């Protein structure tokens, strides 16, 4: 049986994709507008992150990890 590797949350979030960010946002019940307000960006920017048109800045997963602790 293969043993699962447990990674620290920072390592997982550093590679966050747009789809993972969308899942995180929806799991917390945040609209794109509220997520944008939380990160200081527009709804349009959140949409572009989720579509992987624009990469998520490193600060976003870092802030998520800090708030999860």
Protein backbone atom coordinates (compact mmCIF):
# COMPACT_ATOMS: atom_id res chain seq x y z
CA UNK A 1 0.00 0.00 0.00
CA UNK A 2 1.34 3.40 -0.99
CA UNK A 3 1.89 5.85 1.87
CA UNK A 4 0.44 9.34 1.34
CA UNK A 5 2.81 12.25 1.65
CA UNK A 6 1.51 15.00 3.92
CA UNK A 7 2.58 18.45 2.79
CA UNK A 8 2.37 21.62 4.85
CA UNK A 9 -0.48 23.90 3.83
CA UNK A 10 2.00 26.50 2.57
CA UNK A 11 3.44 23.99 0.08
CA UNK A 12 0.00 23.07 -1.20
CA UNK A 13 -1.20 26.64 -1.55
CA UNK A 14 1.98 27.84 -3.24
CA UNK A 15 0.87 25.81 -6.25
CA UNK A 16 -2.77 26.93 -6.11
CA UNK A 17 -4.49 26.89 -9.48
CA UNK A 18 -7.46 28.98 -10.50
CA UNK A 19 -9.72 25.97 -10.05
CA UNK A 20 -8.40 25.42 -6.52
CA UNK A 21 -8.90 29.09 -5.70
CA UNK A 22 -12.50 28.91 -7.01
CA UNK A 23 -13.12 25.83 -4.87
CA UNK A 24 -11.65 27.57 -1.80
CA UNK A 25 -13.83 30.65 -2.44
CA UNK A 26 -17.01 28.65 -2.93
CA UNK A 27 -16.35 26.45 0.12
CA UNK A 28 -16.26 29.62 2.20
CA UNK A 29 -19.43 30.99 0.64
CA UNK A 30 -17.69 33.99 -0.91
CA UNK A 31 -18.88 35.61 -4.11
CA UNK A 32 -16.26 36.84 -6.56
CA UNK A 33 -17.06 40.35 -5.39
CA UNK A 34 -16.45 39.52 -1.71
CA UNK A 35 -13.27 37.60 -2.51
CA UNK A 36 -12.07 40.60 -4.50
CA UNK A 37 -12.76 42.92 -1.58
CA UNK A 38 -10.91 40.58 0.76
CA UNK A 39 -7.80 40.60 -1.46
CA UNK A 40 -8.10 44.20 -2.61
CA UNK A 41 -8.76 43.43 -6.27
CA UNK A 42 -11.66 43.72 -8.68
CA UNK A 43 -14.24 41.04 -9.44
CA UNK A 44 -12.73 40.93 -12.94
CA UNK A 45 -9.31 40.04 -11.47
CA UNK A 46 -10.80 37.23 -9.37
CA UNK A 47 -12.49 35.90 -12.51
CA UNK A 48 -9.17 35.96 -14.40
CA UNK A 49 -7.43 34.12 -11.53
CA UNK A 50 -10.11 31.43 -11.58
CA UNK A 51 -9.82 31.01 -15.34
CA UNK A 52 -5.99 30.82 -15.05
CA UNK A 53 -5.81 33.77 -17.46
CA UNK A 54 -3.81 35.68 -14.83
CA UNK A 55 -1.74 33.72 -12.30
CA UNK A 56 -2.53 34.14 -8.63
CA UNK A 57 0.06 36.35 -6.94
CA UNK A 58 2.13 34.51 -4.35
CA UNK A 59 0.65 36.74 -1.64
CA UNK A 60 -2.87 35.28 -2.12
CA UNK A 61 -2.06 31.67 -1.15
CA UNK A 62 0.16 33.02 1.63
CA UNK A 63 -2.70 35.08 3.09
CA UNK A 64 -5.02 32.09 2.83
CA UNK A 65 -2.49 29.92 4.68
CA UNK A 66 -2.00 32.53 7.41
CA UNK A 67 -5.74 32.78 7.98
CA UNK A 68 -6.10 28.98 8.05
CA UNK A 69 -3.63 28.68 10.93
